[in-house]
Amino acid sequence: MKQENSIITIQELLKDRGIDFDAKKVKLVRHDSLRTPRVQDKIIFDGTLYEMYRRDYQRFVNYQNEQKIKNFKNVDYIVSFLSEEGTRARLIGVYQNLGIKNTIDGDGAIFNFQEILAFSNLKDKIVIDWGKGTRQWIQNWETKKEIIRIDEGLIDRDIPLFTRYEDVILSFSELKKIIESNDSEWKSVLEACNCVYLILDKSNGKQYVGVTYKNSQEGQKGGIWNRWSEYVKTNGHGNDKTLKEKCDNNPHYAELNFQWSILETLPINVIPTIAIDRETLYKKKLGTRNHENYNNN
């Protein structure tokens, strides 16, 4: 189910759910999905905040609980969002502030934000317009935010919802379901452009950098969808020499270990030489041509 251009605001929707907020004690919070987060143990999470939310929710909760005292001292509730493409933001929960657990370095604190389960059926499904030219990640409740879409959420039929190219991280199982189901949303965005992409072997940290573009000599169409479909058809290796050796030795290797992500998007009509130059740049940056990685050229 999708609805576009709705005139209802997030304030109206949540108020109808039975909690009468004191407007002065509610904050809207928009987390930067692409941020590399730290939590109270000061350990850097190996990924973005979006990945943390998707894959390690309790750690995300710990991250959200660690805030400046001045931002939330007199706040009873926070309505929390993750940023998406442009000015969009996706609702990820409504939380009650149960107070400060302990302070950190004078101006920081570990708050006790507890999710209100009465709103759990809305989380991940509501997308709002945060507002053009608005960079403030914390805003007052009175700042009206229109709902622009209601969708299935971040996961539907075991397929992640596409949010933006920078967020794409797919296991082989997820990629296979997307391609084999001919998922219309994913197909439209992956056919719309080319990219430099990364395949990570999670078992050993080795990497393979590839690029998509139209190759008229080989009769290949452009677009990410076309190239990534080849990986599905070949059980994960896409006829890349080193990857093929891994998959031929173990038919379940890609399913167990490979992960696809997008490093940079390129125009659908990108000139092949330019695409290859961008691929080469990332091979140099990531060092994937050395003997410890998977690029052979």
Protein backbone atom coordinates (compact mmCIF):
# COMPACT_ATOMS: atom_id res chain seq x y z
CA MET A 1 0.00 0.00 0.00
CA LYS A 2 1.32 3.42 -0.95
CA GLN A 3 -0.21 6.80 -0.58
CA GLU A 4 1.30 9.95 -2.08
CA ASN A 5 0.78 13.64 -1.36
CA SER A 6 -1.25 13.11 1.78
CA ILE A 7 -2.46 16.29 3.47
CA ILE A 8 -2.41 14.86 6.99
CA THR A 9 0.52 15.75 9.23
CA ILE A 10 2.47 13.44 11.51
CA GLN A 11 1.15 15.50 14.42
CA GLU A 12 -2.47 14.81 13.45
CA LEU A 13 -1.84 11.12 12.90
CA LEU A 14 -0.12 10.54 16.24
CA LYS A 15 -2.67 12.62 18.18
CA ASP A 16 -5.44 10.43 16.77
CA ARG A 17 -3.66 7.42 18.28
CA GLY A 18 -4.65 8.40 21.80
CA ILE A 19 -1.78 10.33 23.37
CA ASP A 20 -2.40 14.02 23.95
CA PHE A 21 1.10 15.46 23.80
CA ASP A 22 2.07 18.62 25.66
CA ALA A 23 3.50 20.41 22.63
CA LYS A 24 6.17 22.15 24.67
CA LYS A 25 7.59 18.83 25.85
CA VAL A 26 7.83 16.94 22.53
CA LYS A 27 10.70 17.04 20.05
CA LEU A 28 10.96 15.77 16.49
CA VAL A 29 14.31 14.10 15.83
CA ARG A 30 15.75 13.33 12.39
CA HIS A 31 18.84 11.11 12.54
CA ASP A 32 21.32 11.21 9.65
CA SER A 33 21.11 7.72 8.08
CA LEU A 34 24.56 8.01 6.50
CA ARG A 35 26.37 9.01 9.66
CA THR A 36 29.03 6.69 11.08
CA PRO A 37 27.78 6.46 14.67
CA ARG A 38 29.53 6.13 17.99
CA VAL A 39 27.84 4.86 21.13
CA GLN A 40 28.67 5.24 24.80
CA ASP A 41 31.48 2.67 24.70
CA LYS A 42 33.18 4.92 22.07
CA ILE A 43 33.45 2.02 19.64
CA ILE A 44 32.98 3.00 16.00
CA PHE A 45 30.21 0.99 14.37
CA ASP A 46 31.36 -0.58 11.11
CA GLY A 47 28.67 0.96 8.94
CA THR A 48 26.10 3.73 8.83
CA LEU A 49 23.39 4.61 11.31
CA TYR A 50 20.86 3.13 8.88
CA GLU A 51 22.72 -0.20 9.00
CA MET A 52 22.87 -0.06 12.79
CA TYR A 53 19.11 0.48 13.00
CA ARG A 54 18.47 -2.37 10.56
CA ARG A 55 20.93 -4.89 11.95
CA ASP A 56 21.61 -4.03 15.60
CA TYR A 57 18.55 -2.29 17.00
CA GLN A 58 19.62 -2.42 20.66
CA ARG A 59 22.85 -0.69 19.78
CA PHE A 60 20.84 1.95 17.91
CA VAL A 61 18.77 2.47 21.07
CA ASN A 62 21.99 2.96 23.03
CA TYR A 63 23.16 5.48 20.45
CA GLN A 64 19.90 7.42 20.61
CA ASN A 65 19.94 7.44 24.41
CA GLU A 66 23.30 9.23 24.48
CA GLN A 67 22.54 12.94 23.99
CA LYS A 68 23.39 16.45 25.17
CA ILE A 69 21.49 17.28 28.37
CA LYS A 70 20.38 20.67 27.06
CA ASN A 71 18.61 19.11 24.05
CA PHE A 72 16.25 16.83 25.98
CA LYS A 73 16.30 17.87 29.65
CA ASN A 74 12.66 19.05 29.73
CA VAL A 75 11.35 16.77 26.99
CA ASP A 76 8.76 14.08 27.73
CA TYR A 77 8.60 12.47 24.28
CA ILE A 78 10.64 12.26 21.10
CA VAL A 79 9.27 11.31 17.70
CA SER A 80 12.20 9.76 15.93
CA PHE A 81 12.99 9.55 12.19
CA LEU A 82 15.76 8.36 9.88
CA SER A 83 16.70 10.62 6.97
CA GLU A 84 16.03 9.46 3.41
CA GLU A 85 16.49 10.89 -0.09
CA GLY A 86 16.26 14.68 -0.22
CA THR A 87 14.16 16.11 2.59
CA ARG A 88 12.31 12.91 3.38
CA ALA A 89 12.40 11.18 6.75
CA ARG A 90 10.99 7.82 7.89
CA LEU A 91 9.31 7.35 11.26
CA ILE A 92 11.18 4.79 13.37
CA GLY A 93 9.40 5.21 16.67
CA VAL A 94 7.82 7.32 19.37
CA TYR A 95 9.76 7.29 22.64
CA GLN A 96 8.99 8.45 26.17
CA ASN A 97 11.78 10.12 28.14
CA LEU A 98 11.94 8.39 31.53
CA GLY A 99 14.82 10.54 32.71
CA ILE A 100 18.60 10.60 32.84
CA LYS A 101 20.43 7.43 33.84
CA ASN A 102 23.81 9.10 34.27
CA THR A 103 25.82 12.04 33.01
CA ILE A 104 28.82 12.08 30.67
CA ASP A 105 31.60 14.69 30.68
CA GLY A 106 29.41 17.38 32.18
CA ASP A 107 27.18 18.28 29.23
CA GLY A 108 26.20 14.80 28.02
CA ALA A 109 23.93 12.13 29.45
CA ILE A 110 22.55 8.66 28.97
CA PHE A 111 18.78 9.18 28.73
CA ASN A 112 16.21 6.45 29.21
CA PHE A 113 14.14 6.74 26.03
CA GLN A 114 11.59 3.92 26.01
CA GLU A 115 9.65 3.11 22.85
CA ILE A 116 5.86 3.44 23.13
CA LEU A 117 4.54 0.20 21.70
CA ALA A 118 1.15 1.72 20.87
CA PHE A 119 2.83 3.29 17.84
CA SER A 120 4.86 0.25 16.77
CA ASN A 121 2.51 -0.58 13.87
CA LEU A 122 3.40 2.79 12.32
CA LYS A 123 7.18 2.58 12.59
CA ASP A 124 9.15 2.18 9.36
CA LYS A 125 6.00 2.83 7.29
CA ILE A 126 5.43 6.59 7.56
CA VAL A 127 7.53 8.94 5.40
CA ILE A 128 7.31 12.69 6.00
CA ASP A 129 8.74 15.81 4.38
CA TRP A 130 11.19 17.26 6.92
CA GLY A 131 11.22 20.56 5.03
CA LYS A 132 13.42 22.22 2.43
CA GLY A 133 16.38 24.21 3.70
CA THR A 134 15.91 22.70 7.15
CA ARG A 135 19.11 21.26 8.54
CA GLN A 136 18.13 21.24 12.20
CA TRP A 137 17.96 17.62 13.32
CA ILE A 138 15.87 18.49 16.37
CA GLN A 139 12.67 20.50 15.93
CA ASN A 140 9.68 21.50 18.02
CA TRP A 141 6.42 19.56 17.94
CA GLU A 142 4.60 22.59 16.54
CA THR A 143 6.64 22.39 13.32
CA LYS A 144 4.11 20.70 11.05
CA LYS A 145 5.41 17.78 8.99
CA GLU A 146 3.23 16.46 6.17
CA ILE A 147 3.05 12.74 5.53
CA ILE A 148 3.97 12.14 1.91
CA ARG A 149 3.91 8.35 1.79
CA ILE A 150 2.76 5.28 3.68
CA ASP A 151 4.45 2.08 2.50
CA GLU A 152 5.17 -1.50 3.55
CA GLY A 153 8.18 -0.61 5.70
CA LEU A 154 11.88 -1.31 5.41
CA ILE A 155 11.34 -5.03 4.90
CA ASP A 156 8.61 -6.58 2.74
CA ARG A 157 8.56 -10.23 1.70
CA ASP A 158 12.14 -10.45 3.06
CA ILE A 159 13.12 -7.76 0.55
CA PRO A 160 14.57 -4.50 1.94
CA LEU A 161 12.70 -1.38 0.92
CA PHE A 162 14.76 0.85 -1.36
CA THR A 163 15.43 4.18 0.35
CA ARG A 164 18.39 5.59 -1.61
CA TYR A 165 21.41 4.33 -3.49
CA GLU A 166 23.83 5.09 -0.65
CA ASP A 167 21.85 2.80 1.68
CA VAL A 168 21.95 -0.25 -0.59
CA ILE A 169 23.50 -3.26 1.14
CA LEU A 170 22.22 -6.60 -0.11
CA SER A 171 23.05 -10.16 0.73
CA PHE A 172 22.96 -12.65 -2.13
CA SER A 173 19.65 -14.01 -0.82
CA GLU A 174 18.13 -10.52 -0.85
CA LEU A 175 19.53 -9.72 -4.30
CA LYS A 176 18.22 -13.03 -5.62
CA LYS A 177 14.70 -12.36 -4.30
CA ILE A 178 14.71 -8.87 -5.81
CA ILE A 179 15.80 -10.09 -9.25
CA GLU A 180 13.75 -13.28 -9.39
CA SER A 181 10.57 -11.56 -8.18
CA ASN A 182 11.16 -8.78 -10.73
CA ASP A 183 10.40 -6.34 -7.92
CA SER A 184 9.04 -3.24 -9.65
CA GLU A 185 10.40 -0.64 -7.22
CA TRP A 186 13.93 -2.04 -7.17
CA LYS A 187 13.92 -2.65 -10.92
CA SER A 188 12.93 0.94 -11.69
CA VAL A 189 15.73 2.44 -9.59
CA LEU A 190 18.41 -0.06 -10.63
CA GLU A 191 17.57 0.39 -14.31
CA ALA A 192 17.70 4.17 -13.97
CA CYS A 193 21.47 4.49 -13.58
CA ASN A 194 24.82 2.77 -13.61
CA CYS A 195 27.24 2.52 -10.71
CA VAL A 196 30.58 1.54 -9.27
CA TYR A 197 29.75 -1.26 -6.85
CA LEU A 198 31.47 -3.32 -4.18
CA ILE A 199 31.15 -7.00 -3.40
CA LEU A 200 32.37 -7.81 0.09
CA ASP A 201 33.31 -11.30 1.18
CA LYS A 202 32.20 -11.16 4.81
CA SER A 203 34.11 -14.33 5.70
CA ASN A 204 37.51 -12.73 5.17
CA GLY A 205 37.01 -9.01 4.45
CA LYS A 206 38.21 -9.31 0.85
CA GLN A 207 36.64 -6.99 -1.72
CA TYR A 208 35.78 -6.83 -5.40
CA VAL A 209 35.07 -3.53 -7.18
CA GLY A 210 33.01 -3.58 -10.36
CA VAL A 211 31.25 -1.10 -12.62
CA THR A 212 28.15 -1.13 -14.83
CA TYR A 213 27.79 0.56 -18.22
CA LYS A 214 26.46 -0.15 -21.70
CA ASN A 215 28.84 -2.29 -23.72
CA SER A 216 27.66 -2.21 -27.33
CA GLN A 217 30.35 -4.65 -28.53
CA GLU A 218 29.17 -7.36 -26.17
CA GLY A 219 25.51 -6.42 -26.57
CA GLN A 220 25.13 -5.56 -22.90
CA LYS A 221 22.48 -3.11 -21.82
CA GLY A 222 23.36 -0.45 -19.29
CA GLY A 223 22.03 -0.18 -15.77
CA ILE A 224 22.72 -1.79 -12.44
CA TRP A 225 19.78 -4.17 -12.80
CA ASN A 226 21.23 -5.86 -15.88
CA ARG A 227 24.69 -6.49 -14.40
CA TRP A 228 23.45 -7.60 -10.98
CA SER A 229 21.00 -9.97 -12.67
CA GLU A 230 24.05 -11.76 -14.05
CA TYR A 231 25.26 -12.45 -10.53
CA VAL A 232 21.94 -14.09 -9.72
CA LYS A 233 21.97 -16.15 -12.94
CA THR A 234 25.52 -17.39 -12.22
CA ASN A 235 24.88 -18.21 -8.56
CA GLY A 236 26.82 -15.21 -7.29
CA HIS A 237 30.01 -14.87 -9.33
CA GLY A 238 28.93 -12.97 -12.47
CA ASN A 239 31.75 -14.71 -14.40
CA ASP A 240 34.37 -12.72 -12.51
CA LYS A 241 37.40 -15.03 -12.36
CA THR A 242 38.27 -14.98 -8.66
CA LEU A 243 34.66 -14.95 -7.50
CA LYS A 244 33.88 -17.83 -9.86
CA GLU A 245 36.61 -19.94 -8.28
CA LYS A 246 35.06 -19.40 -4.85
CA CYS A 247 31.53 -20.21 -6.04
CA ASP A 248 32.56 -23.21 -8.12
CA ASN A 249 34.26 -24.76 -5.09
CA ASN A 250 31.19 -24.17 -2.92
CA PRO A 251 27.78 -23.60 -4.57
CA HIS A 252 26.54 -21.88 -1.39
CA TYR A 253 29.53 -19.56 -1.05
CA ALA A 254 27.83 -16.38 -2.34
CA GLU A 255 24.73 -17.02 -0.26
CA LEU A 256 26.83 -17.44 2.87
CA ASN A 257 29.37 -14.68 2.35
CA PHE A 258 28.82 -12.10 -0.43
CA GLN A 259 27.33 -8.66 0.07
CA TRP A 260 26.58 -6.04 -2.63
CA SER A 261 26.70 -2.27 -2.11
CA ILE A 262 26.92 0.86 -4.27
CA LEU A 263 29.98 3.10 -4.04
CA GLU A 264 28.97 5.73 -6.60
CA THR A 265 26.10 6.16 -9.04
CA LEU A 266 26.80 6.97 -12.70
CA PRO A 267 24.50 8.27 -15.47
CA ILE A 268 22.60 5.65 -17.46
CA ASN A 269 24.33 6.88 -20.64
CA VAL A 270 27.80 7.10 -19.09
CA ILE A 271 30.66 6.73 -21.56
CA PRO A 272 32.42 3.39 -20.96
CA THR A 273 35.87 4.95 -20.63
CA ILE A 274 34.60 7.29 -17.91
CA ALA A 275 32.89 4.43 -16.08
CA ILE A 276 36.08 2.36 -16.17
CA ASP A 277 38.10 5.32 -14.92
CA ARG A 278 35.77 5.63 -11.92
CA GLU A 279 36.06 1.89 -11.28
CA THR A 280 39.86 2.14 -11.44
CA LEU A 281 39.84 4.99 -8.93
CA TYR A 282 37.96 2.92 -6.38
CA LYS A 283 40.22 -0.07 -6.96
CA LYS A 284 43.14 2.19 -6.07
CA LYS A 285 41.37 3.70 -3.07
CA LEU A 286 40.40 0.35 -1.61
CA GLY A 287 43.49 -1.55 -2.75
CA THR A 288 41.44 -4.34 -4.31
CA ARG A 289 44.07 -5.19 -6.91
CA ASN A 290 46.51 -6.61 -4.38
CA HIS A 291 46.82 -10.31 -3.74
CA GLU A 292 44.63 -10.08 -0.63
CA ASN A 293 41.57 -8.96 -2.61
CA TYR A 294 39.56 -10.12 -5.61
CA ASN A 295 40.27 -7.73 -8.52
CA ASN A 296 42.69 -9.15 -11.07
CA ASN A 297 43.09 -6.03 -13.23
